[in-house]
Amino acid sequence: MACDFGVVCFAPHVKPDDTANVGKYLVVWQRQHGTWKVLCDSYNMNGTNSPVNQ
């Protein structure tokens, strides 16, 4: 099993504090019969409606 995570920007030249265009992602991979398959793919935006910001 492996994972890939990070920050994604949905507009050119976005600054990290631009909550409308910046989000986070997580992809979990699982090896099946010698090839890697996506087990779970998830993301969320850093928008003001995020429970983290409340």
C-alpha atoms as a PDB file:
ATOM      1  CA  MET A   1       0.000   0.000   0.000  1.00  0.00           C
ATOM      2  CA  ALA A   2       1.191   3.546  -0.735  1.00  0.00           C
ATOM      3  CA  CYS A   3      -0.186   7.059  -0.438  1.00  0.00           C
ATOM      4  CA  ASP A   4       0.199  10.372  -2.227  1.00  0.00           C
ATOM      5  CA  PHE A   5      -0.877  13.623  -0.575  1.00  0.00           C
ATOM      6  CA  GLY A   6      -0.372  17.318  -1.007  1.00  0.00           C
ATOM      7  CA  VAL A   7      -1.762  20.696  -1.990  1.00  0.00           C
ATOM      8  CA  VAL A   8      -3.498  21.470  -5.269  1.00  0.00           C
ATOM      9  CA  CYS A   9      -4.134  24.903  -6.831  1.00  0.00           C
ATOM     10  CA  PHE A  10      -7.116  25.385  -9.134  1.00  0.00           C
ATOM     11  CA  ALA A  11      -6.025  28.675 -10.710  1.00  0.00           C
ATOM     12  CA  PRO A  12      -2.761  30.009 -12.134  1.00  0.00           C
ATOM     13  CA  HIS A  13      -0.424  31.964  -9.808  1.00  0.00           C
ATOM     14  CA  VAL A  14      -2.435  31.134  -6.673  1.00  0.00           C
ATOM     15  CA  LYS A  15      -1.080  32.116  -3.258  1.00  0.00           C
ATOM     16  CA  PRO A  16      -1.412  29.587  -0.368  1.00  0.00           C
ATOM     17  CA  ASP A  17      -3.853  31.861   1.521  1.00  0.00           C
ATOM     18  CA  ASP A  18      -6.292  31.932  -1.442  1.00  0.00           C
ATOM     19  CA  THR A  19      -8.867  29.641   0.187  1.00  0.00           C
ATOM     20  CA  ALA A  20     -11.199  29.727  -2.835  1.00  0.00           C
ATOM     21  CA  ASN A  21      -8.630  28.127  -5.161  1.00  0.00           C
ATOM     22  CA  VAL A  22      -6.410  25.977  -2.928  1.00  0.00           C
ATOM     23  CA  GLY A  23      -7.178  22.533  -1.524  1.00  0.00           C
ATOM     24  CA  LYS A  24      -5.624  19.315  -0.240  1.00  0.00           C
ATOM     25  CA  TYR A  25      -5.676  15.805  -1.697  1.00  0.00           C
ATOM     26  CA  LEU A  26      -4.998  12.236  -0.618  1.00  0.00           C
ATOM     27  CA  VAL A  27      -4.710   9.188  -2.871  1.00  0.00           C
ATOM     28  CA  VAL A  28      -4.285   5.668  -1.430  1.00  0.00           C
ATOM     29  CA  TRP A  29      -2.862   3.024  -3.749  1.00  0.00           C
ATOM     30  CA  GLN A  30      -2.990  -0.756  -3.376  1.00  0.00           C
ATOM     31  CA  ARG A  31      -0.957  -3.296  -5.308  1.00  0.00           C
ATOM     32  CA  GLN A  32      -3.164  -5.961  -6.927  1.00  0.00           C
ATOM     33  CA  HIS A  33      -1.725  -8.779  -9.024  1.00  0.00           C
ATOM     34  CA  GLY A  34       1.477  -6.841  -9.719  1.00  0.00           C
ATOM     35  CA  THR A  35      -0.101  -3.513 -10.709  1.00  0.00           C
ATOM     36  CA  TRP A  36      -0.987  -0.436  -8.657  1.00  0.00           C
ATOM     37  CA  LYS A  37      -4.686   0.464  -8.361  1.00  0.00           C
ATOM     38  CA  VAL A  38      -6.287   3.497  -6.724  1.00  0.00           C
ATOM     39  CA  LEU A  39      -8.040   2.375  -3.561  1.00  0.00           C
ATOM     40  CA  CYS A  40      -9.259   5.814  -2.451  1.00  0.00           C
ATOM     41  CA  ASP A  41      -9.024   9.306  -3.981  1.00  0.00           C
ATOM     42  CA  SER A  42     -10.132  12.270  -1.875  1.00  0.00           C
ATOM     43  CA  TYR A  43      -9.737  16.053  -1.805  1.00  0.00           C
ATOM     44  CA  ASN A  44     -11.220  19.081  -0.089  1.00  0.00           C
ATOM     45  CA  MET A  45     -11.027  22.817  -0.573  1.00  0.00           C
ATOM     46  CA  ASN A  46      -9.675  25.281   1.982  1.00  0.00           C
ATOM     47  CA  GLY A  47     -12.801  27.437   1.640  1.00  0.00           C
ATOM     48  CA  THR A  48     -14.441  29.413   4.426  1.00  0.00           C
ATOM     49  CA  ASN A  49     -17.170  26.775   4.833  1.00  0.00           C
ATOM     50  CA  SER A  50     -14.586  24.253   5.999  1.00  0.00           C
ATOM     51  CA  PRO A  51     -15.216  22.987   9.588  1.00  0.00           C
ATOM     52  CA  VAL A  52     -11.503  23.531  10.294  1.00  0.00           C
ATOM     53  CA  ASN A  53     -11.963  27.302   9.840  1.00  0.00           C
ATOM     54  CA  GLN A  54     -14.938  27.553  12.222  1.00  0.00           C
END
